[in-house]
C-alpha atoms as a PDB file:
ATOM      1  CA  MET A   1      15.106  25.178  -1.019  1.00  0.00           C
ATOM      2  CA  SER A   2      14.122  22.499   1.275  1.00  0.00           C
ATOM      3  CA  LYS A   3      13.342  18.911   0.708  1.00  0.00           C
ATOM      4  CA  ALA A   4      11.322  16.264   2.339  1.00  0.00           C
ATOM      5  CA  THR A   5      13.396  13.050   3.446  1.00  0.00           C
ATOM      6  CA  THR A   6      10.222  11.182   4.723  1.00  0.00           C
ATOM      7  CA  ILE A   7       7.165  11.079   2.299  1.00  0.00           C
ATOM      8  CA  ALA A   8       3.819   9.435   3.436  1.00  0.00           C
ATOM      9  CA  ILE A   9       1.469   8.798   0.619  1.00  0.00           C
ATOM     10  CA  ASP A  10      -2.117   7.351   1.646  1.00  0.00           C
ATOM     11  CA  GLY A  11      -5.389   6.939  -0.103  1.00  0.00           C
ATOM     12  CA  PRO A  12      -8.158   4.201  -1.095  1.00  0.00           C
ATOM     13  CA  ALA A  13      -7.399   1.156  -3.180  1.00  0.00           C
ATOM     14  CA  ALA A  14      -6.515   2.110  -6.952  1.00  0.00           C
ATOM     15  CA  SER A  15      -6.299   5.744  -5.897  1.00  0.00           C
ATOM     16  CA  GLY A  16      -2.717   5.652  -7.840  1.00  0.00           C
ATOM     17  CA  LYS A  17      -0.711   5.478  -4.437  1.00  0.00           C
ATOM     18  CA  SER A  18       1.824   2.565  -6.042  1.00  0.00           C
ATOM     19  CA  THR A  19       2.133   4.399  -9.302  1.00  0.00           C
ATOM     20  CA  ILE A  20       2.885   7.612  -7.865  1.00  0.00           C
ATOM     21  CA  GLY A  21       4.983   6.488  -4.958  1.00  0.00           C
ATOM     22  CA  HIS A  22       7.278   4.602  -6.948  1.00  0.00           C
ATOM     23  CA  LEU A  23       7.821   7.208  -9.505  1.00  0.00           C
ATOM     24  CA  LEU A  24       8.153   9.924  -7.137  1.00  0.00           C
ATOM     25  CA  ALA A  25      10.797   7.909  -5.144  1.00  0.00           C
ATOM     26  CA  GLU A  26      12.672   7.028  -8.423  1.00  0.00           C
ATOM     27  CA  ARG A  27      12.814  10.830  -9.081  1.00  0.00           C
ATOM     28  CA  LEU A  28      14.126  11.743  -5.651  1.00  0.00           C
ATOM     29  CA  GLY A  29      16.442   8.730  -5.321  1.00  0.00           C
ATOM     30  CA  TYR A  30      14.775   7.342  -2.234  1.00  0.00           C
ATOM     31  CA  LEU A  31      13.518   4.057  -1.159  1.00  0.00           C
ATOM     32  CA  TYR A  32      10.181   3.161  -2.147  1.00  0.00           C
ATOM     33  CA  LEU A  33       8.069   1.043   0.070  1.00  0.00           C
ATOM     34  CA  ASP A  34       4.533  -0.132  -0.290  1.00  0.00           C
ATOM     35  CA  THR A  35       3.264  -1.048   2.959  1.00  0.00           C
ATOM     36  CA  GLY A  36       0.212  -3.147   1.504  1.00  0.00           C
ATOM     37  CA  ALA A  37       2.780  -5.464   0.164  1.00  0.00           C
ATOM     38  CA  MET A  38       3.573  -6.386   3.673  1.00  0.00           C
ATOM     39  CA  TYR A  39      -0.100  -7.103   4.714  1.00  0.00           C
ATOM     40  CA  ARG A  40      -0.439  -9.103   1.297  1.00  0.00           C
ATOM     41  CA  ALA A  41       2.730 -11.185   2.567  1.00  0.00           C
ATOM     42  CA  VAL A  42       1.355 -12.057   5.859  1.00  0.00           C
ATOM     43  CA  ALA A  43      -1.953 -12.937   4.063  1.00  0.00           C
ATOM     44  CA  LEU A  44      -0.167 -15.179   1.874  1.00  0.00           C
ATOM     45  CA  ALA A  45       1.732 -16.782   4.759  1.00  0.00           C
ATOM     46  CA  ALA A  46      -1.165 -17.687   6.275  1.00  0.00           C
ATOM     47  CA  LEU A  47      -2.702 -19.467   3.321  1.00  0.00           C
ATOM     48  CA  LYS A  48       0.430 -21.112   2.753  1.00  0.00           C
ATOM     49  CA  ARG A  49       0.676 -22.530   6.156  1.00  0.00           C
ATOM     50  CA  GLY A  50      -3.089 -23.648   6.328  1.00  0.00           C
ATOM     51  CA  ILE A  51      -3.779 -20.772   9.028  1.00  0.00           C
ATOM     52  CA  ASP A  52      -7.368 -19.870   9.133  1.00  0.00           C
ATOM     53  CA  THR A  53      -7.476 -16.055   8.492  1.00  0.00           C
ATOM     54  CA  ASN A  54     -10.451 -15.659  10.589  1.00  0.00           C
ATOM     55  CA  ASP A  55      -8.129 -16.744  13.785  1.00  0.00           C
ATOM     56  CA  GLU A  56      -7.091 -13.538  14.695  1.00  0.00           C
ATOM     57  CA  LYS A  57      -4.527 -14.857  17.548  1.00  0.00           C
ATOM     58  CA  ALA A  58      -2.947 -17.205  15.167  1.00  0.00           C
ATOM     59  CA  VAL A  59      -2.489 -14.785  12.136  1.00  0.00           C
ATOM     60  CA  SER A  60      -1.226 -11.840  14.833  1.00  0.00           C
ATOM     61  CA  GLU A  61       1.440 -14.474  15.947  1.00  0.00           C
ATOM     62  CA  LEU A  62       2.208 -15.563  12.428  1.00  0.00           C
ATOM     63  CA  ALA A  63       2.933 -11.720  11.669  1.00  0.00           C
ATOM     64  CA  SER A  64       5.292 -11.514  14.341  1.00  0.00           C
ATOM     65  CA  SER A  65       7.638 -14.670  13.427  1.00  0.00           C
ATOM     66  CA  ILE A  66       7.962 -14.317   9.610  1.00  0.00           C
ATOM     67  CA  ASP A  67      10.982 -13.031   7.899  1.00  0.00           C
ATOM     68  CA  LEU A  68       9.584 -10.218   5.635  1.00  0.00           C
ATOM     69  CA  ARG A  69      12.105  -8.197   3.254  1.00  0.00           C
ATOM     70  CA  ILE A  70      11.027  -5.693   0.796  1.00  0.00           C
ATOM     71  CA  LEU A  71      13.869  -4.850  -1.481  1.00  0.00           C
ATOM     72  CA  PRO A  72      14.394  -2.944  -4.696  1.00  0.00           C
ATOM     73  CA  ALA A  73      13.149  -4.836  -7.895  1.00  0.00           C
ATOM     74  CA  THR A  74      15.333  -7.730  -8.388  1.00  0.00           C
ATOM     75  CA  GLU A  75      13.937  -8.712 -11.760  1.00  0.00           C
ATOM     76  CA  ARG A  76      12.764  -6.961 -14.798  1.00  0.00           C
ATOM     77  CA  ASP A  77       9.248  -8.322 -15.261  1.00  0.00           C
ATOM     78  CA  GLY A  78       7.222  -5.072 -14.380  1.00  0.00           C
ATOM     79  CA  ARG A  79       7.628  -5.333 -10.338  1.00  0.00           C
ATOM     80  CA  GLN A  80       8.224  -2.165  -8.626  1.00  0.00           C
ATOM     81  CA  TYR A  81       9.987  -4.018  -5.407  1.00  0.00           C
ATOM     82  CA  THR A  82      10.868  -7.628  -4.605  1.00  0.00           C
ATOM     83  CA  VAL A  83       9.076  -9.176  -1.692  1.00  0.00           C
ATOM     84  CA  LEU A  84      10.955 -12.074   0.153  1.00  0.00           C
ATOM     85  CA  LEU A  85       8.907 -14.109   2.579  1.00  0.00           C
ATOM     86  CA  ASP A  86      10.955 -16.304   4.431  1.00  0.00           C
ATOM     87  CA  GLY A  87      13.670 -16.158   1.820  1.00  0.00           C
ATOM     88  CA  GLU A  88      11.261 -16.975  -1.088  1.00  0.00           C
ATOM     89  CA  ASP A  89      10.442 -14.446  -3.981  1.00  0.00           C
ATOM     90  CA  VAL A  90       6.592 -14.020  -3.615  1.00  0.00           C
ATOM     91  CA  THR A  91       6.462 -10.511  -5.313  1.00  0.00           C
ATOM     92  CA  TRP A  92       3.446 -11.905  -7.683  1.00  0.00           C
ATOM     93  CA  GLN A  93       2.007 -14.340  -5.543  1.00  0.00           C
ATOM     94  CA  ILE A  94       0.779 -11.845  -3.013  1.00  0.00           C
ATOM     95  CA  ARG A  95      -1.461 -10.236  -5.859  1.00  0.00           C
ATOM     96  CA  SER A  96      -3.161 -13.558  -6.171  1.00  0.00           C
ATOM     97  CA  PRO A  97      -7.302 -13.639  -6.205  1.00  0.00           C
ATOM     98  CA  GLU A  98      -6.986 -15.756  -2.727  1.00  0.00           C
ATOM     99  CA  VAL A  99      -4.911 -12.974  -1.184  1.00  0.00           C
ATOM    100  CA  ASN A 100      -7.142 -10.283  -2.498  1.00  0.00           C
ATOM    101  CA  ALA A 101     -10.163 -11.902  -0.683  1.00  0.00           C
ATOM    102  CA  VAL A 102      -8.621 -11.930   2.617  1.00  0.00           C
ATOM    103  CA  VAL A 103      -5.970  -8.986   2.932  1.00  0.00           C
ATOM    104  CA  SER A 104      -8.310  -6.417   4.228  1.00  0.00           C
ATOM    105  CA  GLN A 105      -9.472  -8.734   7.049  1.00  0.00           C
ATOM    106  CA  VAL A 106      -5.771  -9.842   7.962  1.00  0.00           C
ATOM    107  CA  SER A 107      -4.532  -5.939   7.764  1.00  0.00           C
ATOM    108  CA  ALA A 108      -7.212  -5.012  10.470  1.00  0.00           C
ATOM    109  CA  TYR A 109      -6.051  -7.430  13.004  1.00  0.00           C
ATOM    110  CA  HIS A 110      -4.306  -5.466  16.027  1.00  0.00           C
ATOM    111  CA  GLY A 111      -1.219  -7.756  16.217  1.00  0.00           C
ATOM    112  CA  VAL A 112      -0.505  -7.851  12.535  1.00  0.00           C
ATOM    113  CA  ARG A 113      -0.804  -4.029  12.594  1.00  0.00           C
ATOM    114  CA  GLN A 114       1.487  -3.683  15.121  1.00  0.00           C
ATOM    115  CA  ALA A 115       4.050  -5.913  13.980  1.00  0.00           C
ATOM    116  CA  MET A 116       3.827  -4.343  10.474  1.00  0.00           C
ATOM    117  CA  THR A 117       3.965  -0.948  11.862  1.00  0.00           C
ATOM    118  CA  GLU A 118       7.180  -1.402  13.858  1.00  0.00           C
ATOM    119  CA  LEU A 119       9.095  -2.724  10.927  1.00  0.00           C
ATOM    120  CA  GLN A 120       7.844   0.157   8.792  1.00  0.00           C
ATOM    121  CA  ARG A 121       8.745   2.798  11.483  1.00  0.00           C
ATOM    122  CA  GLU A 122      12.287   1.184  11.704  1.00  0.00           C
ATOM    123  CA  ILE A 123      12.415   1.728   8.010  1.00  0.00           C
ATOM    124  CA  GLY A 124      11.107   5.349   8.232  1.00  0.00           C
ATOM    125  CA  ARG A 125      13.521   6.341  10.896  1.00  0.00           C
ATOM    126  CA  LYS A 126      16.353   5.818   8.108  1.00  0.00           C
ATOM    127  CA  GLY A 127      14.805   8.793   6.020  1.00  0.00           C
ATOM    128  CA  LYS A 128      15.019   9.171   2.289  1.00  0.00           C
ATOM    129  CA  VAL A 129      11.953   7.007   1.861  1.00  0.00           C
ATOM    130  CA  VAL A 130       8.650   7.305   0.206  1.00  0.00           C
ATOM    131  CA  MET A 131       6.115   5.117   2.098  1.00  0.00           C
ATOM    132  CA  VAL A 132       2.772   4.273   0.687  1.00  0.00           C
ATOM    133  CA  GLY A 133      -0.237   2.777   2.291  1.00  0.00           C
ATOM    134  CA  ARG A 134      -3.442   3.570   4.262  1.00  0.00           C
ATOM    135  CA  ASP A 135      -2.161   4.876   7.840  1.00  0.00           C
ATOM    136  CA  ILE A 136       1.238   6.048   7.246  1.00  0.00           C
ATOM    137  CA  GLY A 137       0.444   9.741   7.824  1.00  0.00           C
ATOM    138  CA  THR A 138      -1.868   9.147  10.620  1.00  0.00           C
ATOM    139  CA  VAL A 139       0.194   6.089  12.313  1.00  0.00           C
ATOM    140  CA  VAL A 140       3.398   4.956  11.040  1.00  0.00           C
ATOM    141  CA  MET A 141       4.815   8.519  10.333  1.00  0.00           C
ATOM    142  CA  PRO A 142       2.933  10.980  11.708  1.00  0.00           C
ATOM    143  CA  ASP A 143       6.011  13.093  11.715  1.00  0.00           C
ATOM    144  CA  ALA A 144       6.555  12.905   8.065  1.00  0.00           C
ATOM    145  CA  ASP A 145       8.193  15.955   6.266  1.00  0.00           C
ATOM    146  CA  LEU A 146       5.099  15.790   3.876  1.00  0.00           C
ATOM    147  CA  LYS A 147       1.952  13.983   3.795  1.00  0.00           C
ATOM    148  CA  ILE A 148      -0.083  13.377   0.521  1.00  0.00           C
ATOM    149  CA  TYR A 149      -3.549  11.652   0.407  1.00  0.00           C
ATOM    150  CA  LEU A 150      -4.485  10.493  -3.022  1.00  0.00           C
ATOM    151  CA  ASP A 151      -8.074  10.174  -3.870  1.00  0.00           C
ATOM    152  CA  ALA A 152     -10.486   9.488  -6.749  1.00  0.00           C
ATOM    153  CA  SER A 153     -14.241   8.547  -7.378  1.00  0.00           C
ATOM    154  CA  VAL A 154     -15.097   5.287  -6.904  1.00  0.00           C
ATOM    155  CA  GLU A 155     -16.078   4.745 -10.676  1.00  0.00           C
ATOM    156  CA  GLU A 156     -12.817   6.054 -11.736  1.00  0.00           C
ATOM    157  CA  ARG A 157     -10.669   3.890  -9.168  1.00  0.00           C
ATOM    158  CA  ALA A 158     -12.691   0.909 -10.323  1.00  0.00           C
ATOM    159  CA  ARG A 159     -12.028   1.532 -14.011  1.00  0.00           C
ATOM    160  CA  ARG A 160      -8.274   1.660 -13.271  1.00  0.00           C
ATOM    161  CA  ARG A 161      -8.266  -1.624 -11.469  1.00  0.00           C
ATOM    162  CA  TYR A 162     -10.588  -3.160 -14.027  1.00  0.00           C
ATOM    163  CA  LYS A 163      -8.054  -2.295 -16.728  1.00  0.00           C
ATOM    164  CA  GLU A 164      -5.161  -3.478 -14.661  1.00  0.00           C
ATOM    165  CA  MET A 165      -6.733  -6.905 -14.028  1.00  0.00           C
ATOM    166  CA  ILE A 166      -7.557  -7.421 -17.644  1.00  0.00           C
ATOM    167  CA  GLU A 167      -4.200  -6.501 -18.972  1.00  0.00           C
ATOM    168  CA  GLN A 168      -2.974  -9.188 -16.439  1.00  0.00           C
ATOM    169  CA  GLY A 169      -5.192 -11.844 -18.239  1.00  0.00           C
ATOM    170  CA  ARG A 170      -7.665 -12.104 -15.353  1.00  0.00           C
ATOM    171  CA  CYS A 171     -11.410 -12.909 -16.080  1.00  0.00           C
ATOM    172  CA  VAL A 172     -13.353 -10.274 -14.385  1.00  0.00           C
ATOM    173  CA  THR A 173     -16.481  -7.919 -15.026  1.00  0.00           C
ATOM    174  CA  MET A 174     -16.684  -4.211 -14.094  1.00  0.00           C
ATOM    175  CA  GLU A 175     -19.273  -4.845 -11.827  1.00  0.00           C
ATOM    176  CA  GLU A 176     -17.069  -7.318  -9.720  1.00  0.00           C
ATOM    177  CA  VAL A 177     -14.401  -5.088  -9.730  1.00  0.00           C
ATOM    178  CA  MET A 178     -16.592  -1.977  -8.580  1.00  0.00           C
ATOM    179  CA  GLU A 179     -18.052  -4.251  -5.893  1.00  0.00           C
ATOM    180  CA  GLN A 180     -14.412  -5.418  -4.550  1.00  0.00           C
ATOM    181  CA  ILE A 181     -13.764  -1.427  -4.459  1.00  0.00           C
ATOM    182  CA  ARG A 182     -16.619  -0.579  -2.447  1.00  0.00           C
ATOM    183  CA  LYS A 183     -16.061  -3.668  -0.056  1.00  0.00           C
ATOM    184  CA  ARG A 184     -12.486  -2.631   0.364  1.00  0.00           C
ATOM    185  CA  ASP A 185     -13.450   0.989   1.282  1.00  0.00           C
ATOM    186  CA  SER A 186     -16.007   0.011   3.801  1.00  0.00           C
ATOM    187  CA  ILE A 187     -13.471  -2.346   5.623  1.00  0.00           C
ATOM    188  CA  ASP A 188     -10.450   0.325   5.226  1.00  0.00           C
ATOM    189  CA  SER A 189     -12.488   3.163   6.362  1.00  0.00           C
ATOM    190  CA  GLY A 190     -14.784   1.407   9.124  1.00  0.00           C
ATOM    191  CA  ARG A 191     -12.218  -0.564  11.268  1.00  0.00           C
ATOM    192  CA  ASP A 192     -11.648   0.591  14.726  1.00  0.00           C
ATOM    193  CA  LEU A 193      -7.572   0.345  14.329  1.00  0.00           C
ATOM    194  CA  ALA A 194      -5.937   3.070  12.231  1.00  0.00           C
ATOM    195  CA  PRO A 195      -8.907   3.800   9.804  1.00  0.00           C
ATOM    196  CA  LEU A 196      -8.415   5.133   6.243  1.00  0.00           C
ATOM    197  CA  ARG A 197      -8.397   8.832   6.582  1.00  0.00           C
ATOM    198  CA  PRO A 198      -6.449  11.908   5.545  1.00  0.00           C
ATOM    199  CA  ALA A 199      -3.877  13.126   8.292  1.00  0.00           C
ATOM    200  CA  PRO A 200      -4.931  16.555   9.549  1.00  0.00           C
ATOM    201  CA  ASP A 201      -1.979  18.217   7.718  1.00  0.00           C
ATOM    202  CA  ALA A 202      -2.111  15.958   4.436  1.00  0.00           C
ATOM    203  CA  VAL A 203      -2.314  17.682   1.135  1.00  0.00           C
ATOM    204  CA  ILE A 204      -5.388  15.911  -0.360  1.00  0.00           C
ATOM    205  CA  ILE A 205      -4.845  15.416  -4.388  1.00  0.00           C
ATOM    206  CA  ASP A 206      -7.873  14.187  -6.197  1.00  0.00           C
ATOM    207  CA  THR A 207      -6.688  12.153  -9.028  1.00  0.00           C
ATOM    208  CA  THR A 208     -10.074  11.458 -10.958  1.00  0.00           C
ATOM    209  CA  ASN A 209      -9.634  13.739 -13.804  1.00  0.00           C
ATOM    210  CA  MET A 210      -5.574  13.934 -13.650  1.00  0.00           C
ATOM    211  CA  ASP A 211      -3.104  11.768 -15.665  1.00  0.00           C
ATOM    212  CA  ILE A 212      -0.045  10.158 -14.120  1.00  0.00           C
ATOM    213  CA  ASP A 213       2.363  12.958 -15.083  1.00  0.00           C
ATOM    214  CA  ALA A 214       0.081  15.598 -13.578  1.00  0.00           C
ATOM    215  CA  VAL A 215      -0.151  13.905 -10.381  1.00  0.00           C
ATOM    216  CA  LEU A 216       3.749  13.288 -10.057  1.00  0.00           C
ATOM    217  CA  TYR A 217       4.465  16.717 -11.182  1.00  0.00           C
ATOM    218  CA  LYS A 218       2.330  17.950  -8.537  1.00  0.00           C
ATOM    219  CA  ALA A 219       3.879  15.396  -5.872  1.00  0.00           C
ATOM    220  CA  THR A 220       7.447  16.318  -6.801  1.00  0.00           C
ATOM    221  CA  GLU A 221       6.636  19.968  -6.472  1.00  0.00           C
ATOM    222  CA  LEU A 222       5.290  19.256  -2.800  1.00  0.00           C
ATOM    223  CA  ALA A 223       8.581  17.181  -2.159  1.00  0.00           C
ATOM    224  CA  LEU A 224      10.897  19.752  -3.150  1.00  0.00           C
ATOM    225  CA  ASP A 225       9.362  22.603  -1.256  1.00  0.00           C
ATOM    226  CA  PRO A 226       7.246  21.160   1.647  1.00  0.00           C
END
């Protein structure tokens, strides 16, 4: 039986990428890399340094200069990994509402994507990795052994994100979350550079009516016999 050593998981916001990617990596004994965290780190760095996130040139230059590292979880506080930005642990800071508001714009910049893509490819070349994002199978690792595209209805994805945010103690309404999801989908799918879409040879899994165990079972089955 063959076994995929490079696995790309793509999909829209709240489709289950992070959860399934992390669990699959654990099951296989692979590195788990959430590439979205890298773009969030760039956005956070811009906010921290007072750089206008509308200034594409400045943000792109910043992306090429920061020291960014994604490590296995270093704290038992619910995190799936640890994000170090210039040596500072910013794992939870990158999930702030302020970062949420600008990350789509920042991640669409050519210079930012170029800098992050090179880092991601460097990690991918080492193998034994489950890499999660929006352009992994199409751009970052087009030769990955296995490409999975997770999807779900907008309503289901909004429900999941709303539940997650409420559990984190955030004050939001379902309508606000739904609008955020729709806006993110529009930006990710409509951008000129590396738009969100399934790779031609990706296995598409609609998770709308599936629980985590069912999705993980299917992903594991595909990974063990790609």
